[in-house]
């Protein structure tokens, strides 16, 4: 297994867990908050998609497909308190956008050599992603960090634990 394969395996395991957490949730349930003041899943999905787009665009500008107009702004810290369903997308729309971004992430990862993965990460991310390779490994980790909150939402909704 090479570095790209190992990185993909980590991202894919995170995707497996997060997809399982989302599978039986409705669009309305994506607006459930684990606790008052915590971000709901719909906002988190948008945040994750926008973050992946931005992080990988930092590695190679133009490598990621564009997000819908105003998407990042709709999922900024300033909009996190909204509970208005009209402010967010459907689960299917988030899933489609996530898949589009992930396909581009994998294409970019496949285009890089081991030496390139060892190069310094983008300056703005270097404190938490010191190398280009760590920008890619962050994609799985970031989704799992948020997925932990989704497990709490599921329990709050009376859903069974999955893992």
N, C-alpha and C. Protein backbone atom coordinates (compact mmCIF):
# COMPACT_ATOMS: atom_id res chain seq x y z
N UNK A 1 0.85 -1.18 0.00
CA UNK A 1 0.00 0.00 0.00
C UNK A 1 0.89 1.24 0.00
N UNK A 2 0.60 2.16 -0.91
CA UNK A 2 1.38 3.39 -0.95
C UNK A 2 0.65 4.50 -0.18
N UNK A 3 1.27 5.66 -0.15
CA UNK A 3 0.73 6.77 0.64
C UNK A 3 -0.66 7.18 0.16
N UNK A 4 -0.86 7.22 -1.15
CA UNK A 4 -2.17 7.62 -1.68
C UNK A 4 -3.24 6.59 -1.32
N UNK A 5 -2.92 5.33 -1.42
CA UNK A 5 -3.88 4.27 -1.07
C UNK A 5 -4.22 4.31 0.42
N UNK A 6 -3.23 4.51 1.26
CA UNK A 6 -3.47 4.59 2.71
C UNK A 6 -4.32 5.81 3.05
N UNK A 7 -4.05 6.92 2.40
CA UNK A 7 -4.83 8.14 2.63
C UNK A 7 -6.27 7.92 2.20
N UNK A 8 -6.47 7.34 1.03
CA UNK A 8 -7.84 7.06 0.55
C UNK A 8 -8.56 6.11 1.50
N UNK A 9 -7.86 5.12 2.02
CA UNK A 9 -8.50 4.16 2.94
C UNK A 9 -9.02 4.88 4.19
N UNK A 10 -8.26 5.82 4.71
CA UNK A 10 -8.71 6.59 5.87
C UNK A 10 -9.91 7.46 5.55
N UNK A 11 -9.87 8.11 4.40
CA UNK A 11 -10.99 8.95 3.98
C UNK A 11 -12.23 8.08 3.75
N UNK A 12 -12.06 6.94 3.13
CA UNK A 12 -13.18 6.05 2.84
C UNK A 12 -13.80 5.47 4.10
N UNK A 13 -13.00 5.18 5.12
CA UNK A 13 -13.56 4.69 6.38
C UNK A 13 -14.41 5.77 7.04
N UNK A 14 -13.92 6.99 7.02
CA UNK A 14 -14.70 8.11 7.55
C UNK A 14 -16.00 8.27 6.77
N UNK A 15 -15.93 8.15 5.46
CA UNK A 15 -17.13 8.27 4.62
C UNK A 15 -18.12 7.16 4.94
N UNK A 16 -17.62 5.96 5.17
CA UNK A 16 -18.49 4.83 5.52
C UNK A 16 -19.26 5.13 6.81
N UNK A 17 -18.56 5.59 7.83
CA UNK A 17 -19.19 5.88 9.12
C UNK A 17 -20.20 7.02 8.97
N UNK A 18 -19.78 8.11 8.33
CA UNK A 18 -20.67 9.27 8.21
C UNK A 18 -21.88 8.97 7.35
N UNK A 19 -21.71 8.21 6.30
CA UNK A 19 -22.84 7.83 5.46
C UNK A 19 -23.83 6.98 6.25
N UNK A 20 -23.33 6.08 7.04
CA UNK A 20 -24.22 5.25 7.87
C UNK A 20 -25.02 6.10 8.85
N UNK A 21 -24.36 7.10 9.44
CA UNK A 21 -25.06 7.99 10.38
C UNK A 21 -26.16 8.79 9.69
N UNK A 22 -25.98 9.09 8.42
CA UNK A 22 -26.96 9.92 7.70
C UNK A 22 -28.06 9.12 7.02
N UNK A 23 -27.79 7.87 6.71
CA UNK A 23 -28.68 7.09 5.84
C UNK A 23 -30.16 7.16 6.20
N UNK A 24 -30.49 6.99 7.47
CA UNK A 24 -31.91 6.93 7.84
C UNK A 24 -32.43 8.24 8.45
N UNK A 25 -31.71 9.32 8.25
CA UNK A 25 -32.17 10.62 8.73
C UNK A 25 -32.92 11.36 7.61
N UNK A 26 -33.99 12.01 7.97
CA UNK A 26 -34.77 12.81 7.02
C UNK A 26 -34.15 14.20 6.89
N UNK A 27 -34.60 14.94 5.90
CA UNK A 27 -34.14 16.33 5.75
C UNK A 27 -34.45 17.13 7.02
N UNK A 28 -35.63 16.93 7.58
CA UNK A 28 -36.02 17.66 8.80
C UNK A 28 -35.11 17.28 9.97
N UNK A 29 -34.72 16.02 10.06
CA UNK A 29 -33.85 15.58 11.16
C UNK A 29 -32.44 16.14 11.05
N UNK A 30 -32.05 16.57 9.84
CA UNK A 30 -30.73 17.20 9.69
C UNK A 30 -30.66 18.54 10.42
N UNK A 31 -31.82 19.08 10.80
CA UNK A 31 -31.87 20.36 11.52
C UNK A 31 -31.92 20.18 13.04
N UNK A 32 -31.89 18.95 13.49
CA UNK A 32 -31.87 18.66 14.93
C UNK A 32 -30.47 18.97 15.47
N UNK A 33 -30.43 19.65 16.59
CA UNK A 33 -29.14 19.99 17.22
C UNK A 33 -28.84 18.99 18.34
N UNK A 34 -27.59 18.57 18.49
CA UNK A 34 -27.28 17.64 19.57
C UNK A 34 -27.54 18.26 20.95
N UNK A 35 -27.28 19.56 21.06
CA UNK A 35 -27.49 20.34 22.28
C UNK A 35 -27.81 21.77 21.86
N UNK A 36 -28.49 22.53 22.70
CA UNK A 36 -28.71 23.94 22.36
C UNK A 36 -27.37 24.64 22.10
N UNK A 37 -27.32 25.38 21.04
CA UNK A 37 -26.10 26.11 20.70
C UNK A 37 -25.11 25.34 19.85
N UNK A 38 -25.29 24.02 19.73
CA UNK A 38 -24.42 23.21 18.88
C UNK A 38 -24.96 23.27 17.45
N UNK A 39 -24.10 23.04 16.49
CA UNK A 39 -24.50 23.12 15.08
C UNK A 39 -25.27 21.88 14.66
N UNK A 40 -26.32 22.10 13.86
CA UNK A 40 -27.08 20.95 13.35
C UNK A 40 -26.36 20.34 12.15
N UNK A 41 -26.80 19.15 11.79
CA UNK A 41 -26.13 18.38 10.75
C UNK A 41 -26.16 19.08 9.41
N UNK A 42 -27.28 19.71 9.05
CA UNK A 42 -27.35 20.38 7.75
C UNK A 42 -26.24 21.43 7.64
N UNK A 43 -26.09 22.25 8.66
CA UNK A 43 -25.04 23.26 8.62
C UNK A 43 -23.67 22.59 8.55
N UNK A 44 -23.48 21.53 9.35
CA UNK A 44 -22.19 20.85 9.37
C UNK A 44 -21.85 20.24 8.00
N UNK A 45 -22.84 19.68 7.33
CA UNK A 45 -22.58 19.12 6.00
C UNK A 45 -22.08 20.20 5.05
N UNK A 46 -22.75 21.34 5.06
CA UNK A 46 -22.30 22.44 4.20
C UNK A 46 -20.91 22.91 4.57
N UNK A 47 -20.65 22.99 5.87
CA UNK A 47 -19.32 23.39 6.35
C UNK A 47 -18.26 22.40 5.86
N UNK A 48 -18.53 21.11 5.98
CA UNK A 48 -17.57 20.09 5.56
C UNK A 48 -17.30 20.14 4.06
N UNK A 49 -18.35 20.30 3.29
CA UNK A 49 -18.20 20.37 1.83
C UNK A 49 -17.40 21.61 1.44
N UNK A 50 -17.74 22.75 2.02
CA UNK A 50 -17.03 23.99 1.72
C UNK A 50 -15.57 23.91 2.18
N UNK A 51 -15.34 23.29 3.32
CA UNK A 51 -13.97 23.17 3.83
C UNK A 51 -13.12 22.28 2.92
N UNK A 52 -13.68 21.16 2.48
CA UNK A 52 -12.92 20.28 1.58
C UNK A 52 -12.59 21.03 0.30
N UNK A 53 -13.56 21.74 -0.23
CA UNK A 53 -13.34 22.53 -1.44
C UNK A 53 -12.21 23.54 -1.22
N UNK A 54 -12.27 24.27 -0.13
CA UNK A 54 -11.28 25.31 0.13
C UNK A 54 -9.89 24.73 0.41
N UNK A 55 -9.84 23.68 1.21
CA UNK A 55 -8.54 23.09 1.56
C UNK A 55 -7.82 22.56 0.33
N UNK A 56 -8.55 21.82 -0.51
CA UNK A 56 -7.91 21.23 -1.68
C UNK A 56 -7.66 22.26 -2.77
N UNK A 57 -8.47 23.30 -2.82
CA UNK A 57 -8.19 24.41 -3.72
C UNK A 57 -6.90 25.11 -3.30
N UNK A 58 -6.60 25.08 -2.00
CA UNK A 58 -5.35 25.63 -1.51
C UNK A 58 -4.15 24.82 -1.95
N UNK A 59 -4.35 23.53 -2.14
CA UNK A 59 -3.27 22.67 -2.62
C UNK A 59 -3.04 22.92 -4.11
N UNK A 60 -4.14 22.97 -4.87
CA UNK A 60 -4.03 23.23 -6.31
C UNK A 60 -5.24 24.05 -6.76
N UNK A 61 -5.06 25.35 -6.91
CA UNK A 61 -6.17 26.20 -7.35
C UNK A 61 -6.79 25.67 -8.65
N UNK A 62 -8.11 25.66 -8.67
CA UNK A 62 -8.83 25.20 -9.85
C UNK A 62 -9.07 23.71 -9.93
N UNK A 63 -8.55 22.95 -8.96
CA UNK A 63 -8.68 21.49 -9.01
C UNK A 63 -10.06 21.00 -8.56
N UNK A 64 -10.77 21.83 -7.82
CA UNK A 64 -12.07 21.41 -7.28
C UNK A 64 -13.21 22.01 -8.09
N UNK A 65 -14.30 21.24 -8.25
CA UNK A 65 -15.45 21.80 -8.97
C UNK A 65 -16.06 22.95 -8.17
N UNK A 66 -16.61 23.93 -8.86
CA UNK A 66 -17.20 25.05 -8.13
C UNK A 66 -18.40 24.62 -7.31
N UNK A 67 -18.58 25.29 -6.20
CA UNK A 67 -19.77 25.09 -5.38
C UNK A 67 -20.85 26.05 -5.86
N UNK A 68 -22.11 25.77 -5.54
CA UNK A 68 -23.17 26.69 -5.95
C UNK A 68 -22.91 28.10 -5.41
N UNK A 69 -23.37 29.07 -6.15
CA UNK A 69 -23.22 30.47 -5.76
C UNK A 69 -23.70 30.68 -4.32
N UNK A 70 -22.88 31.28 -3.50
CA UNK A 70 -23.24 31.60 -2.12
C UNK A 70 -23.22 30.43 -1.16
N UNK A 71 -22.79 29.26 -1.60
CA UNK A 71 -22.83 28.07 -0.75
C UNK A 71 -22.00 28.24 0.52
N UNK A 72 -20.76 28.68 0.39
CA UNK A 72 -19.90 28.83 1.56
C UNK A 72 -20.48 29.84 2.54
N UNK A 73 -21.02 30.92 2.03
CA UNK A 73 -21.61 31.95 2.90
C UNK A 73 -22.82 31.41 3.65
N UNK A 74 -23.59 30.52 3.02
CA UNK A 74 -24.76 29.93 3.68
C UNK A 74 -24.35 28.97 4.81
N UNK A 75 -23.08 28.58 4.83
CA UNK A 75 -22.59 27.63 5.84
C UNK A 75 -21.42 28.21 6.61
N UNK A 76 -21.47 29.52 6.83
CA UNK A 76 -20.43 30.21 7.58
C UNK A 76 -20.81 30.24 9.07
N UNK A 77 -19.88 30.68 9.89
CA UNK A 77 -20.15 30.79 11.33
C UNK A 77 -21.35 31.69 11.59
N UNK A 78 -21.54 32.68 10.74
CA UNK A 78 -22.63 33.63 10.92
C UNK A 78 -24.01 33.01 10.68
N UNK A 79 -24.08 31.93 9.95
CA UNK A 79 -25.37 31.30 9.63
C UNK A 79 -25.65 30.06 10.47
N UNK A 80 -24.72 29.67 11.31
CA UNK A 80 -24.84 28.42 12.06
C UNK A 80 -26.04 28.39 13.00
N UNK A 81 -26.53 29.53 13.45
CA UNK A 81 -27.65 29.58 14.39
C UNK A 81 -29.01 29.41 13.72
N UNK A 82 -29.06 29.45 12.40
CA UNK A 82 -30.34 29.37 11.70
C UNK A 82 -30.95 27.97 11.81
N UNK A 83 -32.24 27.94 12.10
CA UNK A 83 -33.01 26.70 12.09
C UNK A 83 -34.05 26.70 10.97
N UNK A 84 -33.94 27.65 10.07
CA UNK A 84 -34.89 27.79 8.98
C UNK A 84 -34.55 26.78 7.88
N UNK A 85 -35.42 25.81 7.62
CA UNK A 85 -35.13 24.82 6.57
C UNK A 85 -34.82 25.44 5.21
N UNK A 86 -35.40 26.60 4.92
CA UNK A 86 -35.17 27.26 3.63
C UNK A 86 -33.73 27.74 3.48
N UNK A 87 -33.00 27.84 4.58
CA UNK A 87 -31.61 28.29 4.53
C UNK A 87 -30.64 27.17 4.17
N UNK A 88 -31.14 25.94 4.09
CA UNK A 88 -30.26 24.78 3.90
C UNK A 88 -30.75 23.91 2.75
N UNK A 89 -29.92 22.98 2.34
CA UNK A 89 -30.23 22.08 1.24
C UNK A 89 -30.85 20.80 1.76
N UNK A 90 -31.26 19.96 0.85
CA UNK A 90 -31.75 18.63 1.24
C UNK A 90 -30.56 17.70 1.44
N UNK A 91 -30.81 16.61 2.11
CA UNK A 91 -29.75 15.61 2.31
C UNK A 91 -29.21 15.15 0.95
N UNK A 92 -30.09 14.90 0.00
CA UNK A 92 -29.65 14.45 -1.32
C UNK A 92 -28.75 15.48 -2.00
N UNK A 93 -29.08 16.75 -1.84
CA UNK A 93 -28.25 17.80 -2.44
C UNK A 93 -26.88 17.87 -1.77
N UNK A 94 -26.85 17.76 -0.45
CA UNK A 94 -25.55 17.74 0.24
C UNK A 94 -24.74 16.53 -0.19
N UNK A 95 -25.39 15.39 -0.29
CA UNK A 95 -24.67 14.18 -0.67
C UNK A 95 -24.09 14.30 -2.08
N UNK A 96 -24.85 14.86 -3.00
CA UNK A 96 -24.37 15.03 -4.37
C UNK A 96 -23.15 15.95 -4.39
N UNK A 97 -23.24 17.08 -3.70
CA UNK A 97 -22.11 18.02 -3.66
C UNK A 97 -20.89 17.39 -3.00
N UNK A 98 -21.11 16.65 -1.94
CA UNK A 98 -19.99 15.99 -1.26
C UNK A 98 -19.32 14.98 -2.19
N UNK A 99 -20.11 14.23 -2.93
CA UNK A 99 -19.54 13.25 -3.86
C UNK A 99 -18.74 13.92 -4.98
N UNK A 100 -19.25 15.05 -5.47
CA UNK A 100 -18.52 15.79 -6.51
C UNK A 100 -17.18 16.29 -5.99
N UNK A 101 -17.19 16.85 -4.79
CA UNK A 101 -15.94 17.35 -4.20
C UNK A 101 -14.98 16.20 -3.93
N UNK A 102 -15.51 15.09 -3.40
CA UNK A 102 -14.66 13.95 -3.07
C UNK A 102 -14.02 13.35 -4.32
N UNK A 103 -14.75 13.26 -5.41
CA UNK A 103 -14.18 12.75 -6.66
C UNK A 103 -13.00 13.62 -7.09
N UNK A 104 -13.14 14.92 -6.97
CA UNK A 104 -12.05 15.82 -7.32
C UNK A 104 -10.89 15.69 -6.34
N UNK A 105 -11.21 15.48 -5.06
CA UNK A 105 -10.16 15.26 -4.06
C UNK A 105 -9.33 14.04 -4.44
N UNK A 106 -10.00 12.95 -4.78
CA UNK A 106 -9.29 11.73 -5.16
C UNK A 106 -8.48 11.91 -6.45
N UNK A 107 -9.05 12.63 -7.41
CA UNK A 107 -8.32 12.87 -8.65
C UNK A 107 -7.04 13.67 -8.38
N UNK A 108 -7.15 14.67 -7.53
CA UNK A 108 -5.97 15.46 -7.19
C UNK A 108 -4.96 14.60 -6.43
N UNK A 109 -5.43 13.83 -5.47
CA UNK A 109 -4.54 12.95 -4.72
C UNK A 109 -3.79 12.00 -5.66
N UNK A 110 -4.52 11.41 -6.61
CA UNK A 110 -3.90 10.47 -7.55
C UNK A 110 -2.87 11.14 -8.46
N UNK A 111 -2.98 12.44 -8.64
CA UNK A 111 -2.07 13.15 -9.54
C UNK A 111 -0.75 13.51 -8.88
N UNK A 112 -0.65 13.34 -7.57
CA UNK A 112 0.54 13.78 -6.83
C UNK A 112 1.47 12.62 -6.52
N UNK A 113 2.74 12.90 -6.52
CA UNK A 113 3.76 11.90 -6.15
C UNK A 113 3.95 11.89 -4.64
N UNK A 114 4.62 10.86 -4.14
CA UNK A 114 4.95 10.80 -2.72
C UNK A 114 5.75 12.04 -2.31
N UNK A 115 6.65 12.46 -3.17
CA UNK A 115 7.47 13.64 -2.88
C UNK A 115 6.59 14.89 -2.74
N UNK A 116 5.61 15.03 -3.62
CA UNK A 116 4.72 16.19 -3.55
C UNK A 116 3.87 16.15 -2.28
N UNK A 117 3.44 14.95 -1.85
CA UNK A 117 2.65 14.83 -0.63
C UNK A 117 3.47 15.25 0.60
N UNK A 118 4.77 15.15 0.51
CA UNK A 118 5.65 15.53 1.61
C UNK A 118 6.00 17.01 1.63
N UNK A 119 5.63 17.73 0.58
CA UNK A 119 5.91 19.17 0.53
C UNK A 119 5.07 19.92 1.56
N UNK A 120 5.50 21.12 1.96
CA UNK A 120 4.72 21.89 2.94
C UNK A 120 3.29 22.15 2.47
N UNK A 121 2.37 22.10 3.41
CA UNK A 121 0.97 22.41 3.11
C UNK A 121 0.81 23.89 2.82
N UNK A 122 -0.35 24.28 2.32
CA UNK A 122 -0.60 25.70 2.08
C UNK A 122 -0.37 26.51 3.35
N UNK A 123 0.20 27.67 3.20
CA UNK A 123 0.58 28.52 4.35
C UNK A 123 -0.57 28.71 5.34
N UNK A 124 -1.76 28.98 4.85
CA UNK A 124 -2.90 29.26 5.74
C UNK A 124 -3.30 28.06 6.59
N UNK A 125 -2.91 26.87 6.18
CA UNK A 125 -3.29 25.64 6.90
C UNK A 125 -2.12 24.97 7.60
N UNK A 126 -0.95 25.52 7.45
CA UNK A 126 0.26 24.81 7.88
C UNK A 126 0.29 24.49 9.36
N UNK A 127 -0.41 25.25 10.19
CA UNK A 127 -0.39 24.96 11.63
C UNK A 127 -1.09 23.64 11.96
N UNK A 128 -2.06 23.22 11.16
CA UNK A 128 -2.75 21.95 11.41
C UNK A 128 -2.59 20.95 10.26
N UNK A 129 -2.07 21.38 9.13
CA UNK A 129 -1.77 20.51 7.99
C UNK A 129 -0.37 20.88 7.49
N UNK A 130 0.66 20.38 8.17
CA UNK A 130 2.01 20.82 7.82
C UNK A 130 2.50 20.38 6.43
N UNK A 131 1.89 19.33 5.88
CA UNK A 131 2.28 18.87 4.55
C UNK A 131 1.05 18.79 3.64
N UNK A 132 1.31 18.70 2.36
CA UNK A 132 0.21 18.52 1.41
C UNK A 132 -0.51 17.21 1.72
N UNK A 133 0.24 16.16 2.05
CA UNK A 133 -0.40 14.89 2.40
C UNK A 133 -1.35 15.03 3.57
N UNK A 134 -0.99 15.84 4.55
CA UNK A 134 -1.86 16.01 5.72
C UNK A 134 -3.14 16.77 5.39
N UNK A 135 -3.13 17.57 4.33
CA UNK A 135 -4.37 18.22 3.89
C UNK A 135 -5.36 17.14 3.45
N UNK A 136 -4.86 16.12 2.78
CA UNK A 136 -5.73 15.03 2.34
C UNK A 136 -6.20 14.17 3.52
N UNK A 137 -5.30 13.83 4.44
CA UNK A 137 -5.73 13.01 5.58
C UNK A 137 -6.72 13.75 6.46
N UNK A 138 -6.65 15.08 6.45
CA UNK A 138 -7.59 15.89 7.23
C UNK A 138 -9.02 15.69 6.75
N UNK A 139 -9.21 15.32 5.50
CA UNK A 139 -10.57 15.20 4.97
C UNK A 139 -11.35 14.12 5.73
N UNK A 140 -10.77 12.97 5.94
CA UNK A 140 -11.45 11.94 6.72
C UNK A 140 -11.59 12.32 8.17
N UNK A 141 -10.54 12.86 8.76
CA UNK A 141 -10.57 13.26 10.17
C UNK A 141 -11.63 14.32 10.43
N UNK A 142 -11.73 15.29 9.55
CA UNK A 142 -12.68 16.38 9.73
C UNK A 142 -14.11 15.84 9.72
N UNK A 143 -14.41 14.97 8.76
CA UNK A 143 -15.76 14.39 8.71
C UNK A 143 -16.05 13.59 9.98
N UNK A 144 -15.08 12.82 10.46
CA UNK A 144 -15.32 12.02 11.67
C UNK A 144 -15.49 12.90 12.90
N UNK A 145 -14.77 14.02 12.98
CA UNK A 145 -14.96 14.92 14.12
C UNK A 145 -16.42 15.36 14.20
N UNK A 146 -16.99 15.71 13.08
CA UNK A 146 -18.39 16.13 13.06
C UNK A 146 -19.32 14.93 13.20
N UNK A 147 -18.95 13.81 12.63
CA UNK A 147 -19.77 12.61 12.72
C UNK A 147 -20.04 12.17 14.15
N UNK A 148 -19.13 12.48 15.05
CA UNK A 148 -19.36 12.16 16.46
C UNK A 148 -20.58 12.87 17.00
N UNK A 149 -20.81 14.09 16.54
CA UNK A 149 -22.01 14.82 16.95
C UNK A 149 -23.27 14.20 16.34
N UNK A 150 -23.12 13.65 15.15
CA UNK A 150 -24.27 13.04 14.48
C UNK A 150 -24.73 11.79 15.23
N UNK A 151 -23.77 11.08 15.84
CA UNK A 151 -24.13 9.92 16.64
C UNK A 151 -25.00 10.36 17.82
N UNK A 152 -24.71 11.49 18.40
CA UNK A 152 -25.51 12.02 19.52
C UNK A 152 -26.91 12.41 19.03
N UNK A 153 -26.98 13.06 17.89
CA UNK A 153 -28.29 13.42 17.31
C UNK A 153 -29.11 12.16 17.08
N UNK A 154 -28.48 11.15 16.55
CA UNK A 154 -29.19 9.89 16.29
C UNK A 154 -29.78 9.31 17.58
N UNK A 155 -29.00 9.31 18.64
CA UNK A 155 -29.49 8.78 19.92
C UNK A 155 -30.62 9.65 20.45
N UNK A 156 -30.50 10.96 20.30
CA UNK A 156 -31.53 11.89 20.74
C UNK A 156 -32.84 11.62 20.00
N UNK A 157 -32.74 11.22 18.74
CA UNK A 157 -33.91 10.92 17.91
C UNK A 157 -34.45 9.50 18.13
N UNK A 158 -33.79 8.74 19.02
CA UNK A 158 -34.23 7.37 19.28
C UNK A 158 -33.71 6.34 18.30
N UNK A 159 -32.72 6.71 17.51
CA UNK A 159 -32.11 5.77 16.55
C UNK A 159 -31.14 4.85 17.29
N UNK A 160 -30.96 3.65 16.79
CA UNK A 160 -30.03 2.72 17.45
C UNK A 160 -28.56 3.12 17.18
N UNK A 161 -27.67 2.77 18.10
CA UNK A 161 -26.25 3.00 17.82
C UNK A 161 -25.82 2.10 16.65
N UNK A 162 -24.92 2.58 15.84
CA UNK A 162 -24.50 1.82 14.67
C UNK A 162 -23.13 1.18 14.84
N UNK A 163 -22.29 1.78 15.65
CA UNK A 163 -20.92 1.27 15.78
C UNK A 163 -20.55 1.17 17.25
